[in-house]
Protein backbone atom coordinates (compact mmCIF):
# COMPACT_ATOMS: atom_id res chain seq x y z
CA UNK A 1 22.46 13.84 27.71
CA UNK A 2 22.64 16.37 24.83
CA UNK A 3 19.49 18.02 23.49
CA UNK A 4 17.75 15.97 20.81
CA UNK A 5 17.39 17.50 17.55
CA UNK A 6 13.72 16.64 17.38
CA UNK A 7 11.02 15.31 19.75
CA UNK A 8 8.28 13.22 17.99
CA UNK A 9 5.05 13.43 19.53
CA UNK A 10 2.45 10.66 18.95
CA UNK A 11 -1.18 10.92 20.47
CA UNK A 12 -2.68 7.59 20.75
CA UNK A 13 -6.04 6.06 21.02
CA UNK A 14 -7.09 2.90 19.66
CA UNK A 15 -4.98 2.94 16.51
CA UNK A 16 -3.83 -0.64 16.20
CA UNK A 17 -2.55 -2.14 13.99
CA UNK A 18 -1.57 1.04 12.28
CA UNK A 19 0.24 2.25 15.29
CA UNK A 20 2.78 -0.62 14.64
CA UNK A 21 3.55 0.87 11.12
CA UNK A 22 3.85 4.32 12.56
CA UNK A 23 6.31 3.34 15.33
CA UNK A 24 8.44 1.29 12.95
CA UNK A 25 8.82 4.36 10.65
CA UNK A 26 10.00 6.22 13.62
CA UNK A 27 12.75 3.96 14.90
CA UNK A 28 13.90 3.59 11.35
CA UNK A 29 14.64 7.21 10.72
CA UNK A 30 17.94 7.85 9.16
CA UNK A 31 18.52 10.83 11.71
CA UNK A 32 19.21 8.05 14.24
CA UNK A 33 17.68 7.45 17.52
CA UNK A 34 20.41 9.31 19.42
CA UNK A 35 19.27 12.49 17.74
CA UNK A 36 15.60 12.20 18.53
CA UNK A 37 13.34 11.40 21.37
CA UNK A 38 9.84 9.87 20.94
CA UNK A 39 7.00 10.78 23.35
CA UNK A 40 3.89 8.66 23.00
CA UNK A 41 0.78 9.33 25.06
CA UNK A 42 -1.87 6.74 25.32
CA UNK A 43 -5.11 8.38 25.80
CA UNK A 44 -6.95 5.42 27.44
CA UNK A 45 -6.72 3.08 24.49
CA UNK A 46 -8.77 -0.22 24.76
CA UNK A 47 -7.52 -2.10 21.73
CA UNK A 48 -3.90 -2.89 22.92
CA UNK A 49 -2.42 0.23 21.70
CA UNK A 50 -1.05 1.02 25.22
CA UNK A 51 0.69 -2.40 25.30
CA UNK A 52 2.27 -1.79 21.86
CA UNK A 53 3.77 1.49 23.04
CA UNK A 54 5.13 -0.34 26.08
CA UNK A 55 6.74 -2.89 23.87
CA UNK A 56 8.62 -0.38 21.87
CA UNK A 57 9.59 1.44 24.99
CA UNK A 58 11.33 -1.62 26.41
CA UNK A 59 13.08 -2.38 23.02
CA UNK A 60 14.35 1.34 22.72
CA UNK A 61 14.46 2.80 26.26
CA UNK A 62 16.71 5.67 25.41
CA UNK A 63 14.37 6.90 22.71
CA UNK A 64 10.95 6.29 23.97
CA UNK A 65 8.91 7.90 26.69
CA UNK A 66 5.42 6.45 27.16
CA UNK A 67 2.67 8.22 29.17
CA UNK A 68 -0.60 6.41 30.02
CA UNK A 69 -3.69 8.55 30.88
CA UNK A 70 -7.34 8.24 31.12
CA UNK A 71 -9.33 9.12 27.95
CA UNK A 72 -9.62 12.82 27.54
CA UNK A 73 -11.89 12.83 24.46
CA UNK A 74 -9.67 14.22 21.86
CA UNK A 75 -5.84 14.61 20.83
CA UNK A 76 -5.34 18.02 22.61
CA UNK A 77 -4.51 16.75 26.09
CA UNK A 78 -2.15 14.14 24.99
CA UNK A 79 -0.30 16.68 22.87
CA UNK A 80 0.02 19.12 25.65
CA UNK A 81 1.17 16.48 27.89
CA UNK A 82 3.93 15.50 25.43
CA UNK A 83 4.82 19.16 24.91
CA UNK A 84 5.30 19.63 28.75
CA UNK A 85 7.88 16.83 28.57
CA UNK A 86 9.55 17.61 25.22
CA UNK A 87 13.36 18.73 25.15
CA UNK A 88 14.15 18.52 21.45
CA UNK A 89 15.11 21.64 19.48
CA UNK A 90 12.17 20.85 17.22
CA UNK A 91 8.83 19.12 17.79
CA UNK A 92 7.21 16.94 15.27
CA UNK A 93 3.64 15.74 15.57
CA UNK A 94 2.73 12.61 13.96
CA UNK A 95 -0.77 10.94 13.68
CA UNK A 96 -0.77 7.41 15.18
CA UNK A 97 -2.44 6.28 12.04
CA UNK A 98 0.36 7.69 9.77
CA UNK A 99 3.91 7.04 9.10
CA UNK A 100 6.99 8.78 8.00
CA UNK A 101 9.48 8.35 5.07
CA UNK A 102 12.83 6.94 6.34
CA UNK A 103 14.68 10.33 5.78
CA UNK A 104 11.85 12.58 6.64
CA UNK A 105 13.27 13.99 9.87
CA UNK A 106 16.76 14.22 8.85
CA UNK A 107 15.83 16.22 5.80
CA UNK A 108 13.39 18.52 7.74
CA UNK A 109 15.93 19.16 10.57
CA UNK A 110 18.69 20.03 8.12
CA UNK A 111 16.47 22.36 6.24
CA UNK A 112 15.10 23.94 9.40
CA UNK A 113 18.63 24.55 10.73
CA UNK A 114 19.82 26.08 7.37
CA UNK A 115 16.92 28.60 7.27
CA UNK A 116 16.37 28.97 11.21
CA UNK A 117 12.96 28.00 10.65
CA UNK A 118 10.03 28.19 13.00
CA UNK A 119 7.85 25.67 10.95
CA UNK A 120 8.88 23.14 8.49
CA UNK A 121 6.44 21.46 6.33
CA UNK A 122 7.28 18.05 4.77
CA UNK A 123 5.65 16.89 1.59
CA UNK A 124 2.55 14.78 2.32
CA UNK A 125 1.35 11.67 0.51
CA UNK A 126 -2.27 10.31 0.67
CA UNK A 127 -2.81 6.88 1.52
CA UNK A 128 -6.40 5.80 0.74
CA UNK A 129 -8.98 8.56 0.28
CA UNK A 130 -7.33 10.87 2.60
CA UNK A 131 -7.50 14.56 1.85
CA UNK A 132 -4.08 16.44 1.77
CA UNK A 133 -2.67 19.65 0.98
CA UNK A 134 -0.78 19.95 -2.46
CA UNK A 135 -0.37 23.46 -3.58
CA UNK A 136 2.12 24.21 -0.72
CA UNK A 137 4.41 21.29 -1.83
CA UNK A 138 5.00 22.50 -5.35
CA UNK A 139 8.61 23.12 -4.67
CA UNK A 140 11.11 23.20 -1.77
CA UNK A 141 11.18 26.63 -0.20
CA UNK A 142 13.45 28.44 2.38
CA UNK A 143 10.71 30.74 3.47
CA UNK A 144 7.03 31.16 2.05
CA UNK A 145 4.44 33.75 2.72
CA UNK A 146 1.12 32.81 4.49
CA UNK A 147 -0.99 34.15 1.65
CA UNK A 148 -0.77 32.59 -1.75
CA UNK A 149 1.61 29.80 -1.07
CA UNK A 150 -1.04 27.23 0.02
CA UNK A 151 0.01 27.13 3.62
CA UNK A 152 -3.41 28.19 4.84
CA UNK A 153 -4.71 25.11 3.38
CA UNK A 154 -2.02 23.02 5.18
CA UNK A 155 -3.37 23.64 8.68
CA UNK A 156 -3.01 20.23 10.32
CA UNK A 157 -0.06 19.90 12.93
CA UNK A 158 1.68 17.29 11.11
CA UNK A 159 4.64 19.47 10.61
CA UNK A 160 7.95 20.30 12.54
CA UNK A 161 7.99 23.29 14.87
CA UNK A 162 10.73 24.94 16.75
CA UNK A 163 10.09 24.34 20.37
CA UNK A 164 11.64 27.73 21.55
CA UNK A 165 8.90 29.58 19.58
CA UNK A 166 6.30 27.40 21.16
CA UNK A 167 7.51 27.99 24.47
CA UNK A 168 8.27 31.62 24.09
CA UNK A 169 4.64 32.28 23.36
CA UNK A 170 3.14 29.57 25.55
CA UNK A 171 1.23 28.03 22.59
CA UNK A 172 -0.85 24.88 23.57
CA UNK A 173 -3.71 22.90 22.18
CA UNK A 174 -7.20 23.99 23.16
CA UNK A 175 -8.44 20.99 25.18
CA UNK A 176 -12.14 22.04 24.95
CA UNK A 177 -12.04 21.32 21.25
CA UNK A 178 -12.70 17.69 20.71
CA UNK A 179 -11.65 17.83 16.81
CA UNK A 180 -9.33 20.02 14.90
CA UNK A 181 -7.66 21.37 17.86
CA UNK A 182 -4.58 21.54 15.82
CA UNK A 183 -6.04 24.43 13.84
CA UNK A 184 -5.74 27.16 16.35
CA UNK A 185 -2.30 25.73 17.30
CA UNK A 186 -0.89 25.70 13.79
CA UNK A 187 -2.53 28.99 12.77
CA UNK A 188 -0.79 30.74 15.82
CA UNK A 189 2.51 29.21 15.00
CA UNK A 190 2.07 30.41 11.41
CA UNK A 191 1.43 34.03 12.64
CA UNK A 192 4.33 33.88 15.19
CA UNK A 193 6.89 32.47 12.89
CA UNK A 194 9.68 34.51 11.31
CA UNK A 195 10.33 31.72 8.65
CA UNK A 196 8.08 29.03 7.35
CA UNK A 197 10.06 26.35 5.24
CA UNK A 198 8.90 23.61 2.76
CA UNK A 199 10.60 20.36 1.96
CA UNK A 200 8.90 19.29 -1.20
CA UNK A 201 11.69 16.99 -2.99
CA UNK A 202 11.01 14.06 -0.67
CA UNK A 203 7.89 12.02 0.40
CA UNK A 204 8.10 12.78 4.02
CA UNK A 205 4.62 12.18 5.52
CA UNK A 206 2.33 9.32 4.60
CA UNK A 207 -1.28 10.32 5.73
CA UNK A 208 -3.54 7.28 6.05
CA UNK A 209 -7.33 7.13 5.99
CA UNK A 210 -8.67 4.22 7.83
CA UNK A 211 -10.85 1.75 5.91
CA UNK A 212 -13.52 2.24 8.65
CA UNK A 213 -13.44 6.25 8.55
CA UNK A 214 -12.65 6.17 12.25
CA UNK A 215 -10.15 8.89 11.97
CA UNK A 216 -11.59 11.48 14.38
CA UNK A 217 -11.71 14.37 11.73
CA UNK A 218 -13.96 12.28 9.45
CA UNK A 219 -16.54 11.74 12.25
CA UNK A 220 -16.76 15.15 13.61
CA UNK A 221 -20.28 16.71 14.38
CA UNK A 222 -21.09 20.07 12.62
CA UNK A 223 -21.40 21.74 16.01
CA UNK A 224 -17.58 21.00 16.75
CA UNK A 225 -16.63 22.08 13.19
CA UNK A 226 -18.23 25.46 13.64
CA UNK A 227 -16.81 25.81 17.05
CA UNK A 228 -13.24 25.29 15.95
CA UNK A 229 -13.88 27.62 12.91
CA UNK A 230 -15.09 30.26 15.32
CA UNK A 231 -12.20 29.84 17.71
CA UNK A 232 -9.71 29.99 14.86
CA UNK A 233 -11.05 33.39 13.43
CA UNK A 234 -11.30 34.78 17.15
CA UNK A 235 -7.61 33.88 17.90
CA UNK A 236 -6.50 35.27 14.50
CA UNK A 237 -8.15 38.63 15.42
CA UNK A 238 -6.68 38.42 18.93
CA UNK A 239 -3.13 38.05 17.43
CA UNK A 240 -3.70 41.25 15.46
CA UNK A 241 -3.42 39.53 11.99
CA UNK A 242 -3.55 41.74 8.89
CA UNK A 243 -7.07 42.29 7.10
CA UNK A 244 -5.59 40.39 4.08
CA UNK A 245 -4.54 37.35 6.15
CA UNK A 246 -7.96 37.43 8.10
CA UNK A 247 -9.88 37.41 4.86
CA UNK A 248 -7.62 34.81 3.23
CA UNK A 249 -8.20 32.54 6.19
CA UNK A 250 -11.85 33.25 6.42
CA UNK A 251 -12.16 32.10 2.55
CA UNK A 252 -10.25 28.84 3.40
CA UNK A 253 -12.74 28.09 6.13
CA UNK A 254 -15.56 28.53 3.71
CA UNK A 255 -14.04 26.35 1.10
CA UNK A 256 -12.77 23.56 3.25
CA UNK A 257 -14.19 23.55 6.87
CA UNK A 258 -17.58 24.85 6.60
CA UNK A 259 -18.15 23.30 3.16
CA UNK A 260 -17.27 20.01 4.57
CA UNK A 261 -20.34 20.19 6.79
CA UNK A 262 -22.50 20.12 3.78
CA UNK A 263 -21.09 17.03 2.11
CA UNK A 264 -22.12 13.24 2.52
CA UNK A 265 -22.22 13.88 6.30
CA UNK A 266 -25.16 16.41 5.71
CA UNK A 267 -27.08 13.90 3.84
CA UNK A 268 -26.78 11.22 6.45
CA UNK A 269 -28.42 13.51 9.10
CA UNK A 270 -32.10 13.23 9.88
CA UNK A 271 -34.40 16.23 8.59
CA UNK A 272 -34.48 17.53 12.09
CA UNK A 273 -30.61 17.59 12.34
CA UNK A 274 -30.27 19.22 8.94
CA UNK A 275 -32.52 22.00 10.08
CA UNK A 276 -30.50 22.39 13.21
CA UNK A 277 -27.29 22.36 10.88
CA UNK A 278 -28.56 25.01 8.83
CA UNK A 279 -29.63 27.25 11.55
CA UNK A 280 -26.16 26.95 13.51
CA UNK A 281 -24.23 27.58 10.27
CA UNK A 282 -26.38 30.61 9.56
CA UNK A 283 -25.58 31.93 13.01
CA UNK A 284 -21.87 31.28 12.50
CA UNK A 285 -21.87 33.01 8.88
CA UNK A 286 -23.83 35.99 10.16
CA UNK A 287 -21.50 36.63 13.00
CA UNK A 288 -18.24 36.21 11.09
CA UNK A 289 -19.21 36.94 7.56
CA UNK A 290 -21.93 39.51 8.09
CA UNK A 291 -22.08 43.13 7.05
CA UNK A 292 -21.13 42.45 3.31
CA UNK A 293 -18.19 40.32 4.16
CA UNK A 294 -19.66 37.18 2.43
CA UNK A 295 -20.49 39.46 -0.68
CA UNK A 296 -16.82 40.77 -0.83
CA UNK A 297 -15.39 37.05 -0.76
CA UNK A 298 -17.85 35.02 -2.75
CA UNK A 299 -16.01 35.58 -5.95
CA UNK A 300 -13.35 33.22 -4.56
CA UNK A 301 -15.91 30.52 -4.20
CA UNK A 302 -17.10 27.97 -6.79
CA UNK A 303 -20.73 27.99 -7.72
CA UNK A 304 -21.61 24.93 -5.64
CA UNK A 305 -19.78 26.35 -2.67
CA UNK A 306 -21.46 29.70 -3.04
CA UNK A 307 -24.93 28.20 -3.36
CA UNK A 308 -24.36 26.16 -0.04
CA UNK A 309 -24.28 29.40 1.76
CA UNK A 310 -27.00 31.10 -0.06
CA UNK A 311 -29.27 28.29 0.79
CA UNK A 312 -28.04 28.43 4.57
CA UNK A 313 -28.79 32.16 4.57
CA UNK A 314 -32.27 31.28 3.06
CA UNK A 315 -32.82 28.66 5.70
CA UNK A 316 -33.74 26.08 3.08
CA UNK A 317 -32.34 22.67 4.37
CA UNK A 318 -34.16 20.53 1.79
CA UNK A 319 -32.93 22.54 -1.23
CA UNK A 320 -29.45 22.41 0.24
CA UNK A 321 -29.70 18.60 0.39
CA UNK A 322 -30.60 18.26 -3.19
CA UNK A 323 -27.70 20.60 -4.13
CA UNK A 324 -25.29 18.39 -2.00
CA UNK A 325 -26.84 15.24 -3.73
CA UNK A 326 -26.39 16.78 -7.22
CA UNK A 327 -22.88 17.97 -6.56
CA UNK A 328 -21.86 14.51 -5.10
CA UNK A 329 -22.84 12.89 -8.23
CA UNK A 330 -19.88 14.52 -10.04
CA UNK A 331 -20.21 16.00 -13.53
CA UNK A 332 -21.54 19.42 -14.34
CA UNK A 333 -25.06 21.00 -14.54
CA UNK A 334 -25.92 22.84 -17.74
CA UNK A 335 -23.61 25.87 -18.57
CA UNK A 336 -25.86 28.86 -19.71
CA UNK A 337 -24.32 31.66 -21.74
CA UNK A 338 -26.29 34.87 -21.51
CA UNK A 339 -25.49 38.48 -21.88
CA UNK A 340 -21.69 38.02 -21.68
CA UNK A 341 -21.88 35.78 -18.42
CA UNK A 342 -21.76 32.19 -18.01
CA UNK A 343 -24.04 30.38 -15.34
CA UNK A 344 -24.20 26.94 -13.99
CA UNK A 345 -27.87 25.86 -13.96
CA UNK A 346 -28.26 24.28 -10.46
CA UNK A 347 -31.90 24.09 -9.15
CA UNK A 348 -33.34 27.53 -8.15
CA UNK A 349 -31.69 29.52 -10.87
CA UNK A 350 -34.03 32.61 -11.60
CA UNK A 351 -36.79 31.24 -9.45
CA UNK A 352 -38.32 34.22 -7.70
CA UNK A 353 -39.60 31.97 -4.95
CA UNK A 354 -36.14 31.45 -3.69
CA UNK A 355 -34.59 34.84 -4.19
CA UNK A 356 -31.15 33.78 -4.92
CA UNK A 357 -29.50 36.51 -7.13
CA UNK A 358 -28.07 35.27 -10.59
CA UNK A 359 -24.48 36.00 -9.26
CA UNK A 360 -24.85 33.02 -7.13
CA UNK A 361 -25.03 30.79 -10.12
CA UNK A 362 -22.30 32.72 -12.17
CA UNK A 363 -19.17 31.03 -13.36
CA UNK A 364 -16.55 33.59 -12.42
CA UNK A 365 -13.38 31.79 -13.28
CA UNK A 366 -12.19 29.57 -16.12
CA UNK A 367 -14.66 27.03 -17.44
CA UNK A 368 -12.20 24.71 -19.33
CA UNK A 369 -13.01 21.69 -17.19
CA UNK A 370 -16.75 22.05 -18.28
CA UNK A 371 -15.98 22.30 -22.08
CA UNK A 372 -13.69 19.43 -22.80
CA UNK A 373 -15.57 16.46 -21.48
CA UNK A 374 -18.87 17.42 -23.15
CA UNK A 375 -17.52 18.48 -26.62
CA UNK A 376 -18.23 15.51 -29.02
CA UNK A 377 -17.91 15.08 -32.69
CA UNK A 378 -21.28 13.69 -34.01
CA UNK A 379 -20.35 13.56 -37.82
CA UNK A 380 -17.89 14.46 -40.42
CA UNK A 381 -17.92 14.23 -44.19
CA UNK A 382 -16.41 15.72 -47.29
CA UNK A 383 -18.83 17.88 -49.45
CA UNK A 384 -18.11 18.63 -53.02
CA UNK A 385 -20.08 20.66 -55.56
CA UNK A 386 -17.33 21.75 -57.75
CA UNK A 387 -14.26 19.89 -58.94
CA UNK A 388 -12.00 22.48 -57.52
CA UNK A 389 -13.54 22.81 -54.17
CA UNK A 390 -14.04 20.64 -51.25
CA UNK A 391 -15.69 21.50 -47.90
CA UNK A 392 -15.62 19.70 -44.50
CA UNK A 393 -19.26 19.18 -43.32
CA UNK A 394 -19.13 18.63 -39.72
CA UNK A 395 -21.43 18.39 -36.64
CA UNK A 396 -20.26 18.85 -33.08
CA UNK A 397 -22.03 18.77 -29.64
CA UNK A 398 -20.77 21.39 -27.37
CA UNK A 399 -21.82 21.40 -23.57
CA UNK A 400 -23.14 25.00 -23.59
CA UNK A 401 -26.66 26.62 -24.24
CA UNK A 402 -28.05 30.16 -24.48
CA UNK A 403 -26.31 32.82 -26.40
CA UNK A 404 -24.05 30.46 -28.58
CA UNK A 405 -23.65 32.86 -31.45
CA UNK A 406 -19.87 32.89 -30.82
CA UNK A 407 -19.57 29.10 -30.97
CA UNK A 408 -17.84 28.18 -34.26
CA UNK A 409 -15.64 25.08 -35.50
CA UNK A 410 -12.32 25.90 -36.92
CA UNK A 411 -9.38 24.28 -38.43
CA UNK A 412 -6.34 25.50 -36.91
CA UNK A 413 -2.46 25.06 -37.21
CA UNK A 414 -0.09 24.37 -34.43
CA UNK A 415 0.19 22.16 -31.33
CA UNK A 416 -1.90 22.78 -28.21
CA UNK A 417 -0.28 23.20 -24.90
CA UNK A 418 0.17 20.02 -22.83
CA UNK A 419 -2.12 21.20 -20.21
CA UNK A 420 -4.98 20.75 -22.71
CA UNK A 421 -4.29 16.99 -22.40
CA UNK A 422 -5.61 17.04 -18.89
CA UNK A 423 -8.43 19.54 -19.11
CA UNK A 424 -9.56 18.75 -22.63
CA UNK A 425 -9.75 22.57 -23.48
CA UNK A 426 -7.94 25.85 -23.00
CA UNK A 427 -8.46 29.37 -22.23
CA UNK A 428 -6.75 31.89 -24.64
CA UNK A 429 -4.35 34.35 -23.24
CA UNK A 430 -5.15 37.98 -23.07
CA UNK A 431 -3.01 38.73 -26.15
CA UNK A 432 -3.58 35.85 -28.28
CA UNK A 433 -5.28 36.23 -31.67
CA UNK A 434 -7.42 33.74 -33.28
CA UNK A 435 -8.49 34.05 -36.92
CA UNK A 436 -12.15 34.64 -37.79
CA UNK A 437 -14.18 31.65 -38.29
CA UNK A 438 -14.37 30.64 -41.98
CA UNK A 439 -17.56 28.89 -43.37
CA UNK A 440 -21.21 28.46 -42.74
CA UNK A 441 -22.62 27.74 -39.40
CA UNK A 442 -25.88 26.64 -37.87
CA UNK A 443 -26.48 26.26 -34.08
CA UNK A 444 -29.56 24.41 -32.38
CA UNK A 445 -30.25 23.41 -28.90
CA UNK A 446 -29.73 19.60 -28.45
CA UNK A 447 -33.09 17.73 -27.58
CA UNK A 448 -31.83 17.06 -24.10
CA UNK A 449 -31.67 20.86 -23.39
CA UNK A 450 -28.14 20.38 -21.98
CA UNK A 451 -25.90 21.16 -25.03
CA UNK A 452 -25.79 22.76 -28.45
CA UNK A 453 -25.18 21.18 -31.78
CA UNK A 454 -23.14 23.25 -34.12
CA UNK A 455 -23.03 22.29 -37.85
CA UNK A 456 -20.46 23.68 -40.02
CA UNK A 457 -19.44 23.76 -43.70
CA UNK A 458 -15.71 24.84 -43.96
CA UNK A 459 -14.05 25.32 -47.19
CA UNK A 460 -10.65 23.51 -47.51
CA UNK A 461 -7.56 25.46 -49.20
CA UNK A 462 -4.86 23.95 -51.42
CA UNK A 463 -1.79 23.69 -49.06
CA UNK A 464 0.37 21.12 -47.31
CA UNK A 465 -0.85 21.22 -43.60
CA UNK A 466 -2.13 19.39 -40.67
CA UNK A 467 -5.23 21.28 -39.02
CA UNK A 468 -6.65 20.55 -35.75
CA UNK A 469 -10.43 20.56 -35.45
CA UNK A 470 -11.40 22.85 -32.70
CA UNK A 471 -14.45 24.40 -31.14
CA UNK A 472 -13.90 28.09 -30.48
CA UNK A 473 -16.25 30.28 -28.27
CA UNK A 474 -16.58 33.18 -26.05
CA UNK A 475 -18.05 32.67 -22.48
CA UNK A 476 -18.00 35.02 -19.44
CA UNK A 477 -15.70 37.47 -21.09
CA UNK A 478 -13.06 34.83 -21.87
CA UNK A 479 -12.06 33.20 -25.20
CA UNK A 480 -11.77 29.23 -25.23
CA UNK A 481 -10.49 26.53 -27.65
CA UNK A 482 -11.63 23.03 -27.45
CA UNK A 483 -10.15 20.16 -29.45
CA UNK A 484 -12.76 18.02 -30.86
CA UNK A 485 -12.24 14.22 -29.97
CA UNK A 486 -13.36 11.55 -32.38
CA UNK A 487 -14.86 9.18 -29.75
CA UNK A 488 -16.25 6.22 -31.62
CA UNK A 489 -17.26 7.87 -34.76
CA UNK A 490 -15.68 6.82 -38.03
CA UNK A 491 -13.46 9.22 -40.09
CA UNK A 492 -14.41 10.01 -43.65
CA UNK A 493 -12.27 8.16 -46.22
CA UNK A 494 -9.22 9.97 -47.62
CA UNK A 495 -9.84 11.26 -51.26
CA UNK A 496 -8.16 13.03 -54.03
CA UNK A 497 -9.11 16.55 -54.80
CA UNK A 498 -8.76 18.48 -58.13
CA UNK A 499 -7.97 17.30 -61.79
CA UNK A 500 -4.74 19.11 -62.66
CA UNK A 501 -2.98 20.00 -59.43
CA UNK A 502 -4.30 17.05 -57.39
CA UNK A 503 -4.44 17.16 -53.56
CA UNK A 504 -4.92 14.50 -51.04
CA UNK A 505 -7.52 15.04 -48.16
CA UNK A 506 -7.49 12.89 -45.07
CA UNK A 507 -9.10 12.91 -41.64
CA UNK A 508 -7.32 11.02 -38.87
CA UNK A 509 -7.14 10.80 -35.13
CA UNK A 510 -4.04 11.62 -33.37
CA UNK A 511 -2.73 9.96 -30.31
CA UNK A 512 -4.53 12.26 -27.99
CA UNK A 513 -7.74 11.04 -29.66
CA UNK A 514 -8.29 14.52 -31.41
CA UNK A 515 -9.54 14.98 -35.02
CA UNK A 516 -6.75 16.31 -37.41
CA UNK A 517 -7.44 17.24 -41.09
CA UNK A 518 -4.29 16.60 -43.51
CA UNK A 519 -4.07 18.14 -46.71
CA UNK A 520 -1.23 18.13 -49.31
CA UNK A 521 -0.22 17.23 -52.76
CA UNK A 522 -1.09 13.94 -53.99
CA UNK A 523 2.25 13.64 -55.81
CA UNK A 524 4.73 15.71 -54.02
CA UNK A 525 7.37 17.28 -56.14
CA UNK A 526 10.63 15.35 -56.16
CA UNK A 527 13.85 17.11 -54.95
CA UNK A 528 16.55 17.76 -57.42
CA UNK A 529 18.86 14.80 -58.11
CA UNK A 530 21.81 16.68 -56.49
CA UNK A 531 19.97 17.29 -53.33
CA UNK A 532 18.79 13.61 -52.99
CA UNK A 533 22.46 12.56 -53.68
CA UNK A 534 23.89 14.98 -51.06
CA UNK A 535 21.38 13.53 -48.59
CA UNK A 536 22.35 9.86 -49.33
CA UNK A 537 26.19 10.69 -49.11
CA UNK A 538 26.05 13.16 -46.10
CA UNK A 539 22.82 12.42 -44.42
CA UNK A 540 22.01 15.98 -44.24
CA UNK A 541 19.90 18.41 -46.22
CA UNK A 542 20.94 21.80 -47.27
CA UNK A 543 19.34 24.36 -45.10
CA UNK A 544 16.92 26.64 -46.83
């Protein structure tokens, strides 16, 4: 028998009826059953999964190998058993809850062969509320670096690996890790690999979250999470990883794996277990992030991520629970501008009894996602004292408090980047110059203490233009521009302006829901008769 192109490994424990969907996706692969072998290891299932595997083995005897064993407590041993029997050039691990796109293996094997790849990542699709990596699948790549590509955030084993590399280094799953045993395995393959490739132009892998949350990853105890994180960092050090790679992966653990401990699962614990969780995590952090390491990397964390660990270091499980609860509600706490910095006012800010430095609350990156949703039009009217002058009187709520002297409303020409449609605001580039605000401004903190009401009287000029109403401000050393949305507020009626040279003023809401002020002559000058005739005859206007 010729060597299969790929061995597909399926570790199975009580995954019916999802298992059937998984197996169907394998036998329907366009690569053909003659170029693949499927090794399924039943880890003591009690729901009929083992019988389902036997049924497929009877139907496809040349493709399937089924192993039945007593329950081992996790996927590590089944994966190792399959690896010992694999004969394919590549090995692909698929979760028994998940399934593949019809051309997944054919495309990934071809891409791996073209690039002599040691690891090939196929684009993942989430089914249900399943968490999957996205950044690494921005584009198909022949070879990616470990740092900066998103690969470190795609650490599960649902990939294709060159079997010769696995066997050369004797890489196996750690059977004493009941969950996330694939993390040290994939991490070592990443480090050993000469080439890591990505197939991003096809939906290869459909990752399914079960309705009952019985996927083993979602029900892991915090002790097991911390154990696998420690094991991964230890193994990375043993492999002689560079300081940059070690730090990048350490940050990934803080942002994903350790942070996961302090989510909804933390709130479900008893007070006693919460205290144990905080003590255990503090020991882990002091061992692996001590001696100033946390201070060096905390700028890469969001404020709620950062505060979780400050509360852990402080040994305050109750305050940590309140932070987790607030963070789980969504939305944002108050944004405070002070002395050129921006802060998120989570509980404990500048409370001397807690001892958390202001830097723990500081918003160090862009805050566009905080500005757009809370910027709201309150009123807009025309104001006229003289026949030849009209002002726009406008009031806008802006979701910042504190040093708000830079907050102003401006009427600006030009379309906004499309990215603004998603975030509702944009950060100006370093070389962008914005005109100085024109008009009279007043600012007062809103009664709820969560925002500032900016009132402006802006003089209008005689010209033909469409001007976007935008809030401009400085925050944390960066400049921002926020288009003002109308919401449910009515626009002032259009009106004429001036006696001799009459202009028309109008306020409207564009397709994106933003307020636009349009000015122009009420009676536009007619083009010369010859120009109009030429347009009628030829359909073209003469270029100016």
